[in-house]
Amino acid sequence: MRRVSHSMLEYSLSCYMGKESSGSTQFDNLASKVAAQKYLKERDTNKDGTLSQDEVTFSEEAFSKLDTDKSGVLSVDELKVGLSGYEGEIYNYLAKTDARWAKISQLSSMLKKV
């Protein structure tokens, strides 16, 4: 039976999961999408599938930066893009309701070191 080293496993996982050019893993991209969907679901009081300025707690300036299509509402895609680069915070946010995200965060961190 062939022994698989820790570094071989990490290399295999990084090839399988793929690193993006930004250094993010596909786990990070999935986490951003899930966090955006969760945030929208929690805040969308009128249930229209978007967030208006009245449904969020951040400044008008921040809202305007996120509203890239200038529609006056935020879509899940705009939220996802806005979350890019905040992986640590995203994993913490998601882990509050599902502990599996803490494990995924650890795996993502390992993949970034490969």
N, C-alpha and C. Protein backbone atom coordinates (compact mmCIF):
# COMPACT_ATOMS: atom_id res chain seq x y z
N MET A 1 0.83 -1.17 0.00
CA MET A 1 0.00 0.00 0.00
C MET A 1 0.89 1.25 0.00
N ARG A 2 0.61 2.16 -0.91
CA ARG A 2 1.40 3.38 -1.04
C ARG A 2 0.95 4.43 -0.03
N ARG A 3 1.92 5.01 0.65
CA ARG A 3 1.62 6.07 1.61
C ARG A 3 1.53 7.40 0.88
N VAL A 4 0.54 8.16 1.22
CA VAL A 4 0.37 9.48 0.63
C VAL A 4 0.81 10.51 1.66
N SER A 5 1.76 11.33 1.27
CA SER A 5 2.25 12.35 2.21
C SER A 5 1.26 13.50 2.30
N HIS A 6 1.40 14.26 3.38
CA HIS A 6 0.55 15.42 3.62
C HIS A 6 0.67 16.42 2.47
N SER A 7 1.91 16.66 2.00
CA SER A 7 2.11 17.63 0.92
C SER A 7 1.51 17.13 -0.39
N MET A 8 1.56 15.81 -0.63
CA MET A 8 0.93 15.26 -1.85
C MET A 8 -0.58 15.46 -1.81
N LEU A 9 -1.16 15.26 -0.64
CA LEU A 9 -2.60 15.45 -0.49
C LEU A 9 -2.97 16.91 -0.73
N GLU A 10 -2.20 17.83 -0.13
CA GLU A 10 -2.46 19.25 -0.33
C GLU A 10 -2.33 19.62 -1.81
N TYR A 11 -1.30 19.11 -2.46
CA TYR A 11 -1.10 19.40 -3.88
C TYR A 11 -2.27 18.89 -4.70
N SER A 12 -2.71 17.69 -4.43
CA SER A 12 -3.83 17.11 -5.16
C SER A 12 -5.10 17.92 -4.96
N LEU A 13 -5.34 18.30 -3.72
CA LEU A 13 -6.53 19.10 -3.44
C LEU A 13 -6.46 20.46 -4.12
N SER A 14 -5.28 21.07 -4.13
CA SER A 14 -5.17 22.38 -4.76
C SER A 14 -5.38 22.28 -6.27
N CYS A 15 -4.91 21.21 -6.87
CA CYS A 15 -5.15 21.01 -8.30
C CYS A 15 -6.63 20.76 -8.56
N TYR A 16 -7.24 19.96 -7.70
CA TYR A 16 -8.66 19.64 -7.87
C TYR A 16 -9.53 20.87 -7.64
N MET A 17 -9.29 21.58 -6.55
CA MET A 17 -10.12 22.73 -6.21
C MET A 17 -9.74 23.95 -7.03
N GLY A 18 -8.50 24.05 -7.42
CA GLY A 18 -8.05 25.16 -8.24
C GLY A 18 -7.91 26.45 -7.47
N LYS A 19 -6.80 27.08 -7.65
CA LYS A 19 -6.60 28.41 -7.08
C LYS A 19 -6.90 29.42 -8.17
N GLU A 20 -7.55 30.47 -7.80
CA GLU A 20 -7.81 31.56 -8.72
C GLU A 20 -6.55 32.43 -8.78
N SER A 21 -6.45 33.26 -9.81
CA SER A 21 -5.28 34.12 -9.96
C SER A 21 -5.13 35.09 -8.78
N SER A 22 -6.21 35.40 -8.09
CA SER A 22 -6.16 36.31 -6.95
C SER A 22 -5.61 35.64 -5.70
N GLY A 23 -5.38 34.34 -5.74
CA GLY A 23 -4.93 33.61 -4.56
C GLY A 23 -6.07 32.98 -3.80
N SER A 24 -7.29 33.28 -4.18
CA SER A 24 -8.47 32.68 -3.55
C SER A 24 -8.65 31.27 -4.08
N THR A 25 -9.26 30.44 -3.27
CA THR A 25 -9.59 29.09 -3.72
C THR A 25 -11.05 29.07 -4.15
N GLN A 26 -11.43 27.99 -4.78
CA GLN A 26 -12.84 27.83 -5.14
C GLN A 26 -13.70 27.75 -3.88
N PHE A 27 -13.12 27.29 -2.77
CA PHE A 27 -13.85 27.31 -1.50
C PHE A 27 -14.21 28.75 -1.15
N ASP A 28 -13.23 29.66 -1.32
CA ASP A 28 -13.46 31.07 -1.00
C ASP A 28 -14.58 31.64 -1.87
N ASN A 29 -14.56 31.29 -3.14
CA ASN A 29 -15.60 31.78 -4.04
C ASN A 29 -16.97 31.24 -3.65
N LEU A 30 -17.02 29.98 -3.28
CA LEU A 30 -18.28 29.38 -2.82
C LEU A 30 -18.73 30.06 -1.53
N ALA A 31 -17.81 30.29 -0.60
CA ALA A 31 -18.15 30.93 0.67
C ALA A 31 -18.71 32.33 0.43
N SER A 32 -18.10 33.08 -0.49
CA SER A 32 -18.60 34.42 -0.81
C SER A 32 -20.02 34.36 -1.34
N LYS A 33 -20.28 33.40 -2.21
CA LYS A 33 -21.62 33.27 -2.78
C LYS A 33 -22.65 32.89 -1.71
N VAL A 34 -22.29 31.92 -0.87
CA VAL A 34 -23.21 31.48 0.18
C VAL A 34 -23.46 32.62 1.17
N ALA A 35 -22.41 33.34 1.54
CA ALA A 35 -22.57 34.46 2.48
C ALA A 35 -23.45 35.55 1.88
N ALA A 36 -23.27 35.85 0.60
CA ALA A 36 -24.09 36.86 -0.06
C ALA A 36 -25.56 36.43 -0.07
N GLN A 37 -25.80 35.16 -0.38
CA GLN A 37 -27.18 34.65 -0.40
C GLN A 37 -27.80 34.69 1.00
N LYS A 38 -27.01 34.30 2.00
CA LYS A 38 -27.49 34.28 3.38
C LYS A 38 -27.80 35.70 3.85
N TYR A 39 -26.91 36.65 3.57
CA TYR A 39 -27.12 38.03 3.98
C TYR A 39 -28.37 38.60 3.31
N LEU A 40 -28.51 38.34 2.02
CA LEU A 40 -29.69 38.82 1.30
C LEU A 40 -30.97 38.24 1.88
N LYS A 41 -30.96 36.95 2.15
CA LYS A 41 -32.15 36.29 2.70
C LYS A 41 -32.52 36.87 4.06
N GLU A 42 -31.51 37.13 4.89
CA GLU A 42 -31.76 37.67 6.23
C GLU A 42 -32.29 39.10 6.20
N ARG A 43 -31.87 39.90 5.22
CA ARG A 43 -32.18 41.33 5.20
C ARG A 43 -33.30 41.72 4.24
N ASP A 44 -33.65 40.86 3.32
CA ASP A 44 -34.63 41.20 2.27
C ASP A 44 -36.05 41.19 2.84
N THR A 45 -36.42 42.28 3.49
CA THR A 45 -37.71 42.33 4.19
C THR A 45 -38.91 42.33 3.25
N ASN A 46 -38.75 42.89 2.05
CA ASN A 46 -39.88 42.90 1.11
C ASN A 46 -39.87 41.69 0.16
N LYS A 47 -38.90 40.81 0.33
CA LYS A 47 -38.82 39.53 -0.40
C LYS A 47 -38.80 39.71 -1.92
N ASP A 48 -38.10 40.75 -2.40
CA ASP A 48 -38.00 40.95 -3.85
C ASP A 48 -36.71 40.39 -4.45
N GLY A 49 -35.88 39.77 -3.60
CA GLY A 49 -34.65 39.15 -4.10
C GLY A 49 -33.49 40.12 -4.25
N THR A 50 -33.66 41.35 -3.80
CA THR A 50 -32.60 42.36 -3.81
C THR A 50 -32.63 43.12 -2.49
N LEU A 51 -31.62 43.94 -2.27
CA LEU A 51 -31.58 44.75 -1.05
C LEU A 51 -31.57 46.23 -1.41
N SER A 52 -32.48 46.96 -0.81
CA SER A 52 -32.50 48.41 -0.97
C SER A 52 -31.68 49.03 0.14
N GLN A 53 -31.42 50.32 0.04
CA GLN A 53 -30.67 51.04 1.08
C GLN A 53 -31.35 50.89 2.44
N ASP A 54 -32.69 50.85 2.46
CA ASP A 54 -33.43 50.72 3.71
C ASP A 54 -33.26 49.35 4.38
N GLU A 55 -32.84 48.35 3.62
CA GLU A 55 -32.73 46.99 4.15
C GLU A 55 -31.32 46.64 4.64
N VAL A 56 -30.39 47.56 4.49
CA VAL A 56 -29.01 47.29 4.91
C VAL A 56 -28.60 48.29 5.98
N THR A 57 -27.49 47.99 6.64
CA THR A 57 -27.04 48.84 7.74
C THR A 57 -25.77 49.62 7.40
N PHE A 58 -25.31 49.57 6.17
CA PHE A 58 -24.10 50.31 5.85
C PHE A 58 -24.41 51.64 5.18
N SER A 59 -23.40 52.48 5.08
CA SER A 59 -23.56 53.85 4.61
C SER A 59 -24.03 53.93 3.17
N GLU A 60 -24.55 55.11 2.80
CA GLU A 60 -24.95 55.34 1.42
C GLU A 60 -23.76 55.22 0.48
N GLU A 61 -22.60 55.69 0.93
CA GLU A 61 -21.39 55.61 0.12
C GLU A 61 -21.02 54.14 -0.16
N ALA A 62 -21.03 53.32 0.87
CA ALA A 62 -20.73 51.89 0.70
C ALA A 62 -21.77 51.23 -0.21
N PHE A 63 -23.04 51.57 0.00
CA PHE A 63 -24.11 51.02 -0.82
C PHE A 63 -23.89 51.38 -2.29
N SER A 64 -23.55 52.63 -2.53
CA SER A 64 -23.33 53.11 -3.90
C SER A 64 -22.17 52.38 -4.57
N LYS A 65 -21.10 52.11 -3.81
CA LYS A 65 -19.96 51.37 -4.37
C LYS A 65 -20.35 49.94 -4.73
N LEU A 66 -21.17 49.33 -3.91
CA LEU A 66 -21.61 47.96 -4.17
C LEU A 66 -22.60 47.88 -5.33
N ASP A 67 -23.40 48.92 -5.49
CA ASP A 67 -24.43 48.95 -6.54
C ASP A 67 -23.79 49.29 -7.89
N THR A 68 -23.07 48.33 -8.43
CA THR A 68 -22.28 48.58 -9.63
C THR A 68 -23.13 48.86 -10.87
N ASP A 69 -24.34 48.33 -10.92
CA ASP A 69 -25.20 48.60 -12.09
C ASP A 69 -26.08 49.83 -11.89
N LYS A 70 -25.95 50.48 -10.74
CA LYS A 70 -26.67 51.72 -10.39
C LYS A 70 -28.19 51.57 -10.51
N SER A 71 -28.68 50.40 -10.11
CA SER A 71 -30.12 50.12 -10.16
C SER A 71 -30.84 50.60 -8.90
N GLY A 72 -30.09 50.97 -7.88
CA GLY A 72 -30.69 51.39 -6.63
C GLY A 72 -30.96 50.25 -5.66
N VAL A 73 -30.63 49.04 -6.07
CA VAL A 73 -30.75 47.84 -5.23
C VAL A 73 -29.52 46.97 -5.43
N LEU A 74 -29.24 46.12 -4.45
CA LEU A 74 -28.10 45.21 -4.53
C LEU A 74 -28.57 43.81 -4.84
N SER A 75 -27.96 43.21 -5.84
CA SER A 75 -28.24 41.82 -6.18
C SER A 75 -27.27 40.92 -5.43
N VAL A 76 -27.54 39.63 -5.46
CA VAL A 76 -26.64 38.68 -4.81
C VAL A 76 -25.27 38.72 -5.48
N ASP A 77 -25.22 38.92 -6.79
CA ASP A 77 -23.93 38.99 -7.48
C ASP A 77 -23.13 40.22 -7.05
N GLU A 78 -23.80 41.36 -6.87
CA GLU A 78 -23.10 42.56 -6.40
C GLU A 78 -22.59 42.36 -4.98
N LEU A 79 -23.36 41.70 -4.14
CA LEU A 79 -22.91 41.40 -2.78
C LEU A 79 -21.71 40.47 -2.81
N LYS A 80 -21.75 39.45 -3.66
CA LYS A 80 -20.65 38.49 -3.76
C LYS A 80 -19.36 39.20 -4.15
N VAL A 81 -19.43 40.06 -5.14
CA VAL A 81 -18.25 40.80 -5.57
C VAL A 81 -17.75 41.69 -4.44
N GLY A 82 -18.67 42.31 -3.73
CA GLY A 82 -18.30 43.18 -2.61
C GLY A 82 -17.62 42.44 -1.48
N LEU A 83 -17.88 41.15 -1.35
CA LEU A 83 -17.28 40.35 -0.28
C LEU A 83 -15.89 39.85 -0.63
N SER A 84 -15.50 39.97 -1.87
CA SER A 84 -14.20 39.49 -2.32
C SER A 84 -13.08 40.10 -1.49
N GLY A 85 -12.21 39.24 -1.00
CA GLY A 85 -11.08 39.69 -0.21
C GLY A 85 -11.31 39.65 1.29
N TYR A 86 -12.51 39.28 1.70
CA TYR A 86 -12.83 39.24 3.13
C TYR A 86 -13.11 37.81 3.59
N GLU A 87 -12.29 36.87 3.13
CA GLU A 87 -12.55 35.46 3.38
C GLU A 87 -12.63 35.13 4.87
N GLY A 88 -11.74 35.68 5.69
CA GLY A 88 -11.76 35.40 7.12
C GLY A 88 -13.09 35.77 7.76
N GLU A 89 -13.54 36.96 7.45
CA GLU A 89 -14.82 37.43 7.99
C GLU A 89 -15.99 36.60 7.46
N ILE A 90 -15.90 36.22 6.20
CA ILE A 90 -16.96 35.42 5.59
C ILE A 90 -17.08 34.08 6.29
N TYR A 91 -15.94 33.40 6.49
CA TYR A 91 -15.97 32.10 7.16
C TYR A 91 -16.50 32.23 8.58
N ASN A 92 -16.11 33.28 9.30
CA ASN A 92 -16.63 33.49 10.66
C ASN A 92 -18.14 33.69 10.64
N TYR A 93 -18.62 34.48 9.71
CA TYR A 93 -20.06 34.75 9.56
C TYR A 93 -20.82 33.45 9.29
N LEU A 94 -20.30 32.64 8.39
CA LEU A 94 -20.98 31.38 8.04
C LEU A 94 -20.88 30.34 9.15
N ALA A 95 -19.74 30.31 9.85
CA ALA A 95 -19.54 29.31 10.90
C ALA A 95 -20.45 29.52 12.10
N LYS A 96 -21.01 30.72 12.24
CA LYS A 96 -21.92 30.97 13.35
C LYS A 96 -23.16 30.10 13.27
N THR A 97 -23.56 29.72 12.07
CA THR A 97 -24.75 28.89 11.90
C THR A 97 -24.45 27.49 11.40
N ASP A 98 -23.22 27.26 10.93
CA ASP A 98 -22.87 25.94 10.41
C ASP A 98 -21.37 25.71 10.64
N ALA A 99 -21.04 24.87 11.60
CA ALA A 99 -19.65 24.64 12.00
C ALA A 99 -18.79 24.06 10.88
N ARG A 100 -19.39 23.48 9.88
CA ARG A 100 -18.60 22.92 8.77
C ARG A 100 -17.78 23.99 8.07
N TRP A 101 -18.26 25.24 8.10
CA TRP A 101 -17.52 26.32 7.43
C TRP A 101 -16.17 26.58 8.10
N ALA A 102 -16.05 26.32 9.38
CA ALA A 102 -14.76 26.48 10.06
C ALA A 102 -13.75 25.49 9.49
N LYS A 103 -14.17 24.27 9.24
CA LYS A 103 -13.30 23.25 8.65
C LYS A 103 -12.92 23.63 7.22
N ILE A 104 -13.89 24.14 6.47
CA ILE A 104 -13.62 24.54 5.09
C ILE A 104 -12.63 25.70 5.07
N SER A 105 -12.75 26.60 6.03
CA SER A 105 -11.81 27.72 6.15
C SER A 105 -10.39 27.20 6.37
N GLN A 106 -10.25 26.22 7.23
CA GLN A 106 -8.93 25.64 7.49
C GLN A 106 -8.37 24.99 6.24
N LEU A 107 -9.19 24.26 5.51
CA LEU A 107 -8.74 23.61 4.28
C LEU A 107 -8.34 24.65 3.24
N SER A 108 -9.13 25.69 3.12
CA SER A 108 -8.81 26.75 2.17
C SER A 108 -7.47 27.39 2.51
N SER A 109 -7.23 27.61 3.79
CA SER A 109 -5.95 28.19 4.22
C SER A 109 -4.79 27.27 3.87
N MET A 110 -4.96 25.97 4.04
CA MET A 110 -3.93 25.01 3.69
C MET A 110 -3.65 25.06 2.20
N LEU A 111 -4.69 25.14 1.39
CA LEU A 111 -4.51 25.16 -0.05
C LEU A 111 -3.76 26.40 -0.52
N LYS A 112 -3.94 27.50 0.16
CA LYS A 112 -3.24 28.74 -0.22
C LYS A 112 -1.75 28.65 0.04
N LYS A 113 -1.35 27.76 0.94
CA LYS A 113 0.06 27.62 1.27
C LYS A 113 0.78 26.70 0.30
N VAL A 114 0.03 25.96 -0.48
CA VAL A 114 0.64 24.98 -1.40
C VAL A 114 1.27 25.70 -2.57
